[in-house]
Amino acid sequence: METVPSAVESIRYKMPTYDYEGAMLCAFASQKQYMSLYVEPRILDGYRTALQHLNVGKSCIRFKSIDQLPLNLVRTVLEETVQDLDAGRAEQGKK
């Protein structure tokens, strides 16, 4: 993955997933009417306004065509997720 080179591909819950240091970074699913990108809900909450043209769930962004998905915004969400995971690990290391 270009945005997070250390991400590792896996399968979780029967979905293609990218993991970052053992934690789920994002996952993909394809349903009959749309595709979904699953990301960290706390990070996604900050971008709901920018994604209002799409169907956004608690932790997923639903889209019918990859052209609808703002890839720069997805890149930002993934980068923030990595920062959040790193910060959480650093905090746990202090305890």
PDB file of N, CA and C in Angstrom:
ATOM      1  N   MET A   1       0.852  -1.170   0.000  1.00  0.00           N
ATOM      2  CA  MET A   1       0.000   0.000   0.000  1.00  0.00           C
ATOM      3  C   MET A   1       0.901   1.238   0.000  1.00  0.00           C
ATOM      4  N   GLU A   2       0.693   2.102  -0.932  1.00  0.00           N
ATOM      5  CA  GLU A   2       1.538   3.281  -1.106  1.00  0.00           C
ATOM      6  C   GLU A   2       1.507   4.228   0.099  1.00  0.00           C
ATOM      7  N   THR A   3       0.351   4.450   0.676  1.00  0.00           N
ATOM      8  CA  THR A   3       0.211   5.403   1.776  1.00  0.00           C
ATOM      9  C   THR A   3       0.857   4.898   3.056  1.00  0.00           C
ATOM     10  N   VAL A   4       0.743   3.609   3.313  1.00  0.00           N
ATOM     11  CA  VAL A   4       1.335   3.000   4.512  1.00  0.00           C
ATOM     12  C   VAL A   4       2.123   1.772   4.039  1.00  0.00           C
ATOM     13  N   PRO A   5       3.397   1.983   3.646  1.00  0.00           N
ATOM     14  CA  PRO A   5       4.182   0.889   3.069  1.00  0.00           C
ATOM     15  C   PRO A   5       4.342  -0.329   3.978  1.00  0.00           C
ATOM     16  N   SER A   6       4.277  -0.147   5.294  1.00  0.00           N
ATOM     17  CA  SER A   6       4.458  -1.278   6.205  1.00  0.00           C
ATOM     18  C   SER A   6       3.159  -2.050   6.446  1.00  0.00           C
ATOM     19  N   ALA A   7       2.054  -1.632   5.805  1.00  0.00           N
ATOM     20  CA  ALA A   7       0.783  -2.341   5.960  1.00  0.00           C
ATOM     21  C   ALA A   7       0.893  -3.734   5.345  1.00  0.00           C
ATOM     22  N   VAL A   8       0.205  -4.676   5.973  1.00  0.00           N
ATOM     23  CA  VAL A   8       0.239  -6.072   5.548  1.00  0.00           C
ATOM     24  C   VAL A   8      -1.170  -6.494   5.147  1.00  0.00           C
ATOM     25  N   GLU A   9      -1.270  -7.163   4.004  1.00  0.00           N
ATOM     26  CA  GLU A   9      -2.571  -7.652   3.542  1.00  0.00           C
ATOM     27  C   GLU A   9      -2.988  -8.876   4.347  1.00  0.00           C
ATOM     28  N   SER A  10      -4.274  -8.953   4.647  1.00  0.00           N
ATOM     29  CA  SER A  10      -4.811 -10.117   5.341  1.00  0.00           C
ATOM     30  C   SER A  10      -6.293 -10.249   4.997  1.00  0.00           C
ATOM     31  N   ILE A  11      -6.921 -11.238   5.569  1.00  0.00           N
ATOM     32  CA  ILE A  11      -8.366 -11.422   5.442  1.00  0.00           C
ATOM     33  C   ILE A  11      -8.930 -11.445   6.859  1.00  0.00           C
ATOM     34  N   ARG A  12      -9.891 -10.584   7.129  1.00  0.00           N
ATOM     35  CA  ARG A  12     -10.594 -10.563   8.412  1.00  0.00           C
ATOM     36  C   ARG A  12     -12.082 -10.469   8.099  1.00  0.00           C
ATOM     37  N   TYR A  13     -12.876 -11.241   8.823  1.00  0.00           N
ATOM     38  CA  TYR A  13     -14.326 -11.221   8.613  1.00  0.00           C
ATOM     39  C   TYR A  13     -14.683 -11.424   7.136  1.00  0.00           C
ATOM     40  N   LYS A  14     -13.897 -12.259   6.466  1.00  0.00           N
ATOM     41  CA  LYS A  14     -14.090 -12.577   5.042  1.00  0.00           C
ATOM     42  C   LYS A  14     -13.930 -11.370   4.124  1.00  0.00           C
ATOM     43  N   MET A  15     -13.158 -10.364   4.585  1.00  0.00           N
ATOM     44  CA  MET A  15     -12.922  -9.157   3.772  1.00  0.00           C
ATOM     45  C   MET A  15     -11.421  -8.947   3.588  1.00  0.00           C
ATOM     46  N   PRO A  16     -11.005  -8.475   2.403  1.00  0.00           N
ATOM     47  CA  PRO A  16      -9.616  -8.061   2.240  1.00  0.00           C
ATOM     48  C   PRO A  16      -9.333  -6.910   3.211  1.00  0.00           C
ATOM     49  N   THR A  17      -8.231  -7.024   3.910  1.00  0.00           N
ATOM     50  CA  THR A  17      -7.909  -6.072   4.979  1.00  0.00           C
ATOM     51  C   THR A  17      -6.445  -5.675   4.879  1.00  0.00           C
ATOM     52  N   TYR A  18      -6.150  -4.476   5.315  1.00  0.00           N
ATOM     53  CA  TYR A  18      -4.773  -4.056   5.520  1.00  0.00           C
ATOM     54  C   TYR A  18      -4.581  -3.853   7.016  1.00  0.00           C
ATOM     55  N   ASP A  19      -3.529  -4.489   7.549  1.00  0.00           N
ATOM     56  CA  ASP A  19      -3.184  -4.364   8.965  1.00  0.00           C
ATOM     57  C   ASP A  19      -1.924  -3.527   9.111  1.00  0.00           C
ATOM     58  N   TYR A  20      -1.878  -2.783  10.199  1.00  0.00           N
ATOM     59  CA  TYR A  20      -0.696  -1.990  10.525  1.00  0.00           C
ATOM     60  C   TYR A  20      -0.245  -2.418  11.916  1.00  0.00           C
ATOM     61  N   GLU A  21       0.901  -3.078  11.971  1.00  0.00           N
ATOM     62  CA  GLU A  21       1.477  -3.549  13.231  1.00  0.00           C
ATOM     63  C   GLU A  21       0.457  -4.299  14.078  1.00  0.00           C
ATOM     64  N   GLY A  22      -0.274  -5.196  13.425  1.00  0.00           N
ATOM     65  CA  GLY A  22      -1.222  -6.051  14.123  1.00  0.00           C
ATOM     66  C   GLY A  22      -2.622  -5.492  14.289  1.00  0.00           C
ATOM     67  N   ALA A  23      -2.828  -4.230  13.991  1.00  0.00           N
ATOM     68  CA  ALA A  23      -4.149  -3.601  14.113  1.00  0.00           C
ATOM     69  C   ALA A  23      -4.735  -3.380  12.722  1.00  0.00           C
ATOM     70  N   MET A  24      -6.063  -3.469  12.622  1.00  0.00           N
ATOM     71  CA  MET A  24      -6.698  -3.255  11.328  1.00  0.00           C
ATOM     72  C   MET A  24      -6.601  -1.783  10.922  1.00  0.00           C
ATOM     73  N   LEU A  25      -6.082  -1.547   9.752  1.00  0.00           N
ATOM     74  CA  LEU A  25      -5.974  -0.196   9.197  1.00  0.00           C
ATOM     75  C   LEU A  25      -7.224   0.123   8.371  1.00  0.00           C
ATOM     76  N   CYS A  26      -7.620  -0.795   7.503  1.00  0.00           N
ATOM     77  CA  CYS A  26      -8.828  -0.632   6.695  1.00  0.00           C
ATOM     78  C   CYS A  26      -9.212  -1.982   6.101  1.00  0.00           C
ATOM     79  N   ALA A  27     -10.452  -2.057   5.636  1.00  0.00           N
ATOM     80  CA  ALA A  27     -10.945  -3.283   5.008  1.00  0.00           C
ATOM     81  C   ALA A  27     -11.893  -2.899   3.881  1.00  0.00           C
ATOM     82  N   PHE A  28     -12.126  -3.856   2.986  1.00  0.00           N
ATOM     83  CA  PHE A  28     -12.979  -3.621   1.825  1.00  0.00           C
ATOM     84  C   PHE A  28     -14.049  -4.698   1.741  1.00  0.00           C
ATOM     85  N   ALA A  29     -15.207  -4.323   1.237  1.00  0.00           N
ATOM     86  CA  ALA A  29     -16.271  -5.290   0.983  1.00  0.00           C
ATOM     87  C   ALA A  29     -17.010  -4.868  -0.275  1.00  0.00           C
ATOM     88  N   SER A  30     -17.552  -5.848  -0.960  1.00  0.00           N
ATOM     89  CA  SER A  30     -18.334  -5.570  -2.158  1.00  0.00           C
ATOM     90  C   SER A  30     -19.710  -6.189  -1.980  1.00  0.00           C
ATOM     91  N   GLN A  31     -20.730  -5.355  -1.987  1.00  0.00           N
ATOM     92  CA  GLN A  31     -22.104  -5.824  -1.905  1.00  0.00           C
ATOM     93  C   GLN A  31     -22.744  -5.679  -3.284  1.00  0.00           C
ATOM     94  N   LYS A  32     -23.977  -6.067  -3.376  1.00  0.00           N
ATOM     95  CA  LYS A  32     -24.664  -6.048  -4.665  1.00  0.00           C
ATOM     96  C   LYS A  32     -24.778  -4.629  -5.236  1.00  0.00           C
ATOM     97  N   GLN A  33     -25.127  -3.653  -4.416  1.00  0.00           N
ATOM     98  CA  GLN A  33     -25.385  -2.295  -4.881  1.00  0.00           C
ATOM     99  C   GLN A  33     -24.210  -1.327  -4.714  1.00  0.00           C
ATOM    100  N   TYR A  34     -23.212  -1.691  -3.928  1.00  0.00           N
ATOM    101  CA  TYR A  34     -22.113  -0.759  -3.655  1.00  0.00           C
ATOM    102  C   TYR A  34     -20.903  -1.499  -3.103  1.00  0.00           C
ATOM    103  N   MET A  35     -19.800  -0.770  -2.970  1.00  0.00           N
ATOM    104  CA  MET A  35     -18.590  -1.248  -2.308  1.00  0.00           C
ATOM    105  C   MET A  35     -18.440  -0.457  -1.027  1.00  0.00           C
ATOM    106  N   SER A  36     -17.725  -1.024  -0.075  1.00  0.00           N
ATOM    107  CA  SER A  36     -17.521  -0.339   1.201  1.00  0.00           C
ATOM    108  C   SER A  36     -16.050  -0.337   1.566  1.00  0.00           C
ATOM    109  N   LEU A  37     -15.623   0.778   2.131  1.00  0.00           N
ATOM    110  CA  LEU A  37     -14.294   0.903   2.711  1.00  0.00           C
ATOM    111  C   LEU A  37     -14.506   1.101   4.208  1.00  0.00           C
ATOM    112  N   TYR A  38     -13.987   0.190   5.013  1.00  0.00           N
ATOM    113  CA  TYR A  38     -14.122   0.264   6.461  1.00  0.00           C
ATOM    114  C   TYR A  38     -12.862   0.878   7.054  1.00  0.00           C
ATOM    115  N   VAL A  39     -13.055   1.874   7.906  1.00  0.00           N
ATOM    116  CA  VAL A  39     -11.944   2.570   8.558  1.00  0.00           C
ATOM    117  C   VAL A  39     -12.290   2.800  10.030  1.00  0.00           C
ATOM    118  N   GLU A  40     -11.355   3.368  10.767  1.00  0.00           N
ATOM    119  CA  GLU A  40     -11.544   3.652  12.190  1.00  0.00           C
ATOM    120  C   GLU A  40     -12.664   4.677  12.377  1.00  0.00           C
ATOM    121  N   PRO A  41     -13.716   4.347  13.142  1.00  0.00           N
ATOM    122  CA  PRO A  41     -14.854   5.259  13.307  1.00  0.00           C
ATOM    123  C   PRO A  41     -14.481   6.623  13.895  1.00  0.00           C
ATOM    124  N   ARG A  42     -13.563   6.645  14.856  1.00  0.00           N
ATOM    125  CA  ARG A  42     -13.197   7.937  15.467  1.00  0.00           C
ATOM    126  C   ARG A  42     -12.541   8.872  14.454  1.00  0.00           C
ATOM    127  N   ILE A  43     -11.775   8.324  13.545  1.00  0.00           N
ATOM    128  CA  ILE A  43     -11.132   9.140  12.509  1.00  0.00           C
ATOM    129  C   ILE A  43     -12.170   9.548  11.471  1.00  0.00           C
ATOM    130  N   LEU A  44     -13.008   8.613  11.067  1.00  0.00           N
ATOM    131  CA  LEU A  44     -14.035   8.880  10.058  1.00  0.00           C
ATOM    132  C   LEU A  44     -14.973  10.003  10.490  1.00  0.00           C
ATOM    133  N   ASP A  45     -15.283  10.077  11.772  1.00  0.00           N
ATOM    134  CA  ASP A  45     -16.194  11.114  12.266  1.00  0.00           C
ATOM    135  C   ASP A  45     -15.766  12.525  11.863  1.00  0.00           C
ATOM    136  N   GLY A  46     -14.484  12.778  11.791  1.00  0.00           N
ATOM    137  CA  GLY A  46     -13.988  14.099  11.438  1.00  0.00           C
ATOM    138  C   GLY A  46     -14.163  14.458   9.971  1.00  0.00           C
ATOM    139  N   TYR A  47     -14.568  13.505   9.149  1.00  0.00           N
ATOM    140  CA  TYR A  47     -14.657  13.744   7.706  1.00  0.00           C
ATOM    141  C   TYR A  47     -16.056  13.522   7.142  1.00  0.00           C
ATOM    142  N   ARG A  48     -17.044  13.396   7.998  1.00  0.00           N
ATOM    143  CA  ARG A  48     -18.403  13.141   7.529  1.00  0.00           C
ATOM    144  C   ARG A  48     -18.921  14.254   6.609  1.00  0.00           C
ATOM    145  N   THR A  49     -18.620  15.494   6.914  1.00  0.00           N
ATOM    146  CA  THR A  49     -19.073  16.605   6.071  1.00  0.00           C
ATOM    147  C   THR A  49     -18.460  16.510   4.677  1.00  0.00           C
ATOM    148  N   ALA A  50     -17.173  16.218   4.612  1.00  0.00           N
ATOM    149  CA  ALA A  50     -16.493  16.106   3.319  1.00  0.00           C
ATOM    150  C   ALA A  50     -16.992  14.908   2.513  1.00  0.00           C
ATOM    151  N   LEU A  51     -17.573  13.933   3.198  1.00  0.00           N
ATOM    152  CA  LEU A  51     -18.066  12.727   2.537  1.00  0.00           C
ATOM    153  C   LEU A  51     -19.585  12.693   2.406  1.00  0.00           C
ATOM    154  N   GLN A  52     -20.228  13.833   2.604  1.00  0.00           N
ATOM    155  CA  GLN A  52     -21.694  13.852   2.615  1.00  0.00           C
ATOM    156  C   GLN A  52     -22.320  13.439   1.293  1.00  0.00           C
ATOM    157  N   HIS A  53     -21.559  13.473   0.205  1.00  0.00           N
ATOM    158  CA  HIS A  53     -22.093  13.032  -1.089  1.00  0.00           C
ATOM    159  C   HIS A  53     -22.143  11.501  -1.201  1.00  0.00           C
ATOM    160  N   LEU A  54     -21.604  10.812  -0.189  1.00  0.00           N
ATOM    161  CA  LEU A  54     -21.611   9.353  -0.167  1.00  0.00           C
ATOM    162  C   LEU A  54     -22.437   8.851   1.007  1.00  0.00           C
ATOM    163  N   ASN A  55     -22.738   7.592   1.010  1.00  0.00           N
ATOM    164  CA  ASN A  55     -23.443   6.955   2.113  1.00  0.00           C
ATOM    165  C   ASN A  55     -22.384   6.517   3.127  1.00  0.00           C
ATOM    166  N   VAL A  56     -22.344   7.172   4.276  1.00  0.00           N
ATOM    167  CA  VAL A  56     -21.335   6.898   5.292  1.00  0.00           C
ATOM    168  C   VAL A  56     -22.008   6.287   6.510  1.00  0.00           C
ATOM    169  N   GLY A  57     -21.516   5.122   6.919  1.00  0.00           N
ATOM    170  CA  GLY A  57     -22.021   4.456   8.113  1.00  0.00           C
ATOM    171  C   GLY A  57     -21.152   4.771   9.303  1.00  0.00           C
ATOM    172  N   LYS A  58     -21.292   3.978  10.343  1.00  0.00           N
ATOM    173  CA  LYS A  58     -20.510   4.201  11.564  1.00  0.00           C
ATOM    174  C   LYS A  58     -19.010   4.084  11.292  1.00  0.00           C
ATOM    175  N   SER A  59     -18.640   3.081  10.509  1.00  0.00           N
ATOM    176  CA  SER A  59     -17.220   2.877  10.237  1.00  0.00           C
ATOM    177  C   SER A  59     -16.931   2.619   8.758  1.00  0.00           C
ATOM    178  N   CYS A  60     -17.899   2.880   7.894  1.00  0.00           N
ATOM    179  CA  CYS A  60     -17.658   2.582   6.483  1.00  0.00           C
ATOM    180  C   CYS A  60     -18.107   3.714   5.570  1.00  0.00           C
ATOM    181  N   ILE A  61     -17.460   3.726   4.425  1.00  0.00           N
ATOM    182  CA  ILE A  61     -17.794   4.655   3.351  1.00  0.00           C
ATOM    183  C   ILE A  61     -18.289   3.789   2.198  1.00  0.00           C
ATOM    184  N   ARG A  62     -19.534   3.986   1.786  1.00  0.00           N
ATOM    185  CA  ARG A  62     -20.122   3.189   0.701  1.00  0.00           C
ATOM    186  C   ARG A  62     -20.094   3.993  -0.596  1.00  0.00           C
ATOM    187  N   PHE A  63     -19.723   3.326  -1.676  1.00  0.00           N
ATOM    188  CA  PHE A  63     -19.630   4.004  -2.966  1.00  0.00           C
ATOM    189  C   PHE A  63     -19.932   3.012  -4.080  1.00  0.00           C
ATOM    190  N   LYS A  64     -20.460   3.519  -5.179  1.00  0.00           N
ATOM    191  CA  LYS A  64     -20.802   2.670  -6.321  1.00  0.00           C
ATOM    192  C   LYS A  64     -19.669   2.591  -7.333  1.00  0.00           C
ATOM    193  N   SER A  65     -18.852   3.627  -7.372  1.00  0.00           N
ATOM    194  CA  SER A  65     -17.739   3.677  -8.315  1.00  0.00           C
ATOM    195  C   SER A  65     -16.526   4.272  -7.609  1.00  0.00           C
ATOM    196  N   ILE A  66     -15.366   3.759  -7.906  1.00  0.00           N
ATOM    197  CA  ILE A  66     -14.137   4.273  -7.294  1.00  0.00           C
ATOM    198  C   ILE A  66     -13.961   5.761  -7.590  1.00  0.00           C
ATOM    199  N   ASP A  67     -14.543   6.227  -8.687  1.00  0.00           N
ATOM    200  CA  ASP A  67     -14.461   7.640  -9.044  1.00  0.00           C
ATOM    201  C   ASP A  67     -15.170   8.536  -8.029  1.00  0.00           C
ATOM    202  N   GLN A  68     -16.126   7.990  -7.288  1.00  0.00           N
ATOM    203  CA  GLN A  68     -16.846   8.757  -6.270  1.00  0.00           C
ATOM    204  C   GLN A  68     -16.012   8.955  -5.008  1.00  0.00           C
ATOM    205  N   LEU A  69     -15.036   8.104  -4.802  1.00  0.00           N
ATOM    206  CA  LEU A  69     -14.258   8.105  -3.571  1.00  0.00           C
ATOM    207  C   LEU A  69     -13.137   9.130  -3.649  1.00  0.00           C
ATOM    208  N   PRO A  70     -13.111  10.117  -2.751  1.00  0.00           N
ATOM    209  CA  PRO A  70     -12.036  11.114  -2.758  1.00  0.00           C
ATOM    210  C   PRO A  70     -10.745  10.492  -2.209  1.00  0.00           C
ATOM    211  N   LEU A  71      -9.883  10.052  -3.101  1.00  0.00           N
ATOM    212  CA  LEU A  71      -8.701   9.293  -2.702  1.00  0.00           C
ATOM    213  C   LEU A  71      -7.751  10.082  -1.818  1.00  0.00           C
ATOM    214  N   ASN A  72      -7.634  11.390  -2.027  1.00  0.00           N
ATOM    215  CA  ASN A  72      -6.778  12.190  -1.150  1.00  0.00           C
ATOM    216  C   ASN A  72      -7.303  12.178   0.278  1.00  0.00           C
ATOM    217  N   LEU A  73      -8.617  12.214   0.432  1.00  0.00           N
ATOM    218  CA  LEU A  73      -9.220  12.171   1.749  1.00  0.00           C
ATOM    219  C   LEU A  73      -9.020  10.792   2.385  1.00  0.00           C
ATOM    220  N   VAL A  74      -9.150   9.740   1.598  1.00  0.00           N
ATOM    221  CA  VAL A  74      -8.903   8.389   2.108  1.00  0.00           C
ATOM    222  C   VAL A  74      -7.457   8.276   2.578  1.00  0.00           C
ATOM    223  N   ARG A  75      -6.545   8.807   1.810  1.00  0.00           N
ATOM    224  CA  ARG A  75      -5.129   8.806   2.191  1.00  0.00           C
ATOM    225  C   ARG A  75      -4.942   9.512   3.535  1.00  0.00           C
ATOM    226  N   THR A  76      -5.592  10.649   3.710  1.00  0.00           N
ATOM    227  CA  THR A  76      -5.508  11.397   4.965  1.00  0.00           C
ATOM    228  C   THR A  76      -6.071  10.583   6.125  1.00  0.00           C
ATOM    229  N   VAL A  77      -7.206   9.933   5.917  1.00  0.00           N
ATOM    230  CA  VAL A  77      -7.819   9.097   6.962  1.00  0.00           C
ATOM    231  C   VAL A  77      -6.859   7.980   7.368  1.00  0.00           C
ATOM    232  N   LEU A  78      -6.231   7.335   6.399  1.00  0.00           N
ATOM    233  CA  LEU A  78      -5.296   6.252   6.698  1.00  0.00           C
ATOM    234  C   LEU A  78      -4.070   6.777   7.450  1.00  0.00           C
ATOM    235  N   GLU A  79      -3.554   7.916   7.036  1.00  0.00           N
ATOM    236  CA  GLU A  79      -2.402   8.506   7.722  1.00  0.00           C
ATOM    237  C   GLU A  79      -2.749   8.862   9.165  1.00  0.00           C
ATOM    238  N   GLU A  80      -3.939   9.420   9.388  1.00  0.00           N
ATOM    239  CA  GLU A  80      -4.365   9.756  10.743  1.00  0.00           C
ATOM    240  C   GLU A  80      -4.582   8.505  11.581  1.00  0.00           C
ATOM    241  N   THR A  81      -5.051   7.446  10.963  1.00  0.00           N
ATOM    242  CA  THR A  81      -5.229   6.192  11.684  1.00  0.00           C
ATOM    243  C   THR A  81      -3.886   5.654  12.157  1.00  0.00           C
ATOM    244  N   VAL A  82      -2.877   5.709  11.309  1.00  0.00           N
ATOM    245  CA  VAL A  82      -1.533   5.273  11.692  1.00  0.00           C
ATOM    246  C   VAL A  82      -1.024   6.132  12.851  1.00  0.00           C
ATOM    247  N   GLN A  83      -1.200   7.439  12.758  1.00  0.00           N
ATOM    248  CA  GLN A  83      -0.756   8.328  13.845  1.00  0.00           C
ATOM    249  C   GLN A  83      -1.478   7.990  15.143  1.00  0.00           C
ATOM    250  N   ASP A  84      -2.773   7.712  15.053  1.00  0.00           N
ATOM    251  CA  ASP A  84      -3.564   7.364  16.228  1.00  0.00           C
ATOM    252  C   ASP A  84      -3.083   6.049  16.847  1.00  0.00           C
ATOM    253  N   LEU A  85      -2.828   5.057  16.004  1.00  0.00           N
ATOM    254  CA  LEU A  85      -2.331   3.771  16.500  1.00  0.00           C
ATOM    255  C   LEU A  85      -0.955   3.925  17.137  1.00  0.00           C
ATOM    256  N   ASP A  86      -0.084   4.693  16.504  1.00  0.00           N
ATOM    257  CA  ASP A  86       1.253   4.932  17.068  1.00  0.00           C
ATOM    258  C   ASP A  86       1.166   5.660  18.407  1.00  0.00           C
ATOM    259  N   ALA A  87       0.299   6.660  18.496  1.00  0.00           N
ATOM    260  CA  ALA A  87       0.132   7.409  19.740  1.00  0.00           C
ATOM    261  C   ALA A  87      -0.398   6.501  20.848  1.00  0.00           C
ATOM    262  N   GLY A  88      -1.324   5.623  20.507  1.00  0.00           N
ATOM    263  CA  GLY A  88      -1.868   4.686  21.485  1.00  0.00           C
ATOM    264  C   GLY A  88      -0.803   3.736  22.005  1.00  0.00           C
ATOM    265  N   ARG A  89       0.061   3.285  21.117  1.00  0.00           N
ATOM    266  CA  ARG A  89       1.145   2.392  21.537  1.00  0.00           C
ATOM    267  C   ARG A  89       2.147   3.130  22.415  1.00  0.00           C
ATOM    268  N   ALA A  90       2.443   4.373  22.061  1.00  0.00           N
ATOM    269  CA  ALA A  90       3.365   5.172  22.864  1.00  0.00           C
ATOM    270  C   ALA A  90       2.806   5.400  24.258  1.00  0.00           C
ATOM    271  N   GLU A  91       1.510   5.658  24.339  1.00  0.00           N
ATOM    272  CA  GLU A  91       0.841   5.883  25.635  1.00  0.00           C
ATOM    273  C   GLU A  91       0.884   4.606  26.470  1.00  0.00           C
ATOM    274  N   GLN A  92       0.653   3.462  25.845  1.00  0.00           N
ATOM    275  CA  GLN A  92       0.694   2.198  26.572  1.00  0.00           C
ATOM    276  C   GLN A  92       2.114   1.911  27.070  1.00  0.00           C
ATOM    277  N   GLY A  93       3.113   2.325  26.309  1.00  0.00           N
ATOM    278  CA  GLY A  93       4.501   2.119  26.707  1.00  0.00           C
ATOM    279  C   GLY A  93       4.884   2.935  27.934  1.00  0.00           C
ATOM    280  N   LYS A  94       4.185   4.025  28.190  1.00  0.00           N
ATOM    281  CA  LYS A  94       4.469   4.876  29.345  1.00  0.00           C
ATOM    282  C   LYS A  94       3.935   4.283  30.642  1.00  0.00           C
ATOM    283  N   LYS A  95       2.965   3.376  30.513  1.00  0.00           N
ATOM    284  CA  LYS A  95       2.330   2.811  31.715  1.00  0.00           C
ATOM    285  C   LYS A  95       3.158   1.718  32.332  1.00  0.00           C
TER     286      LYS A  95
END
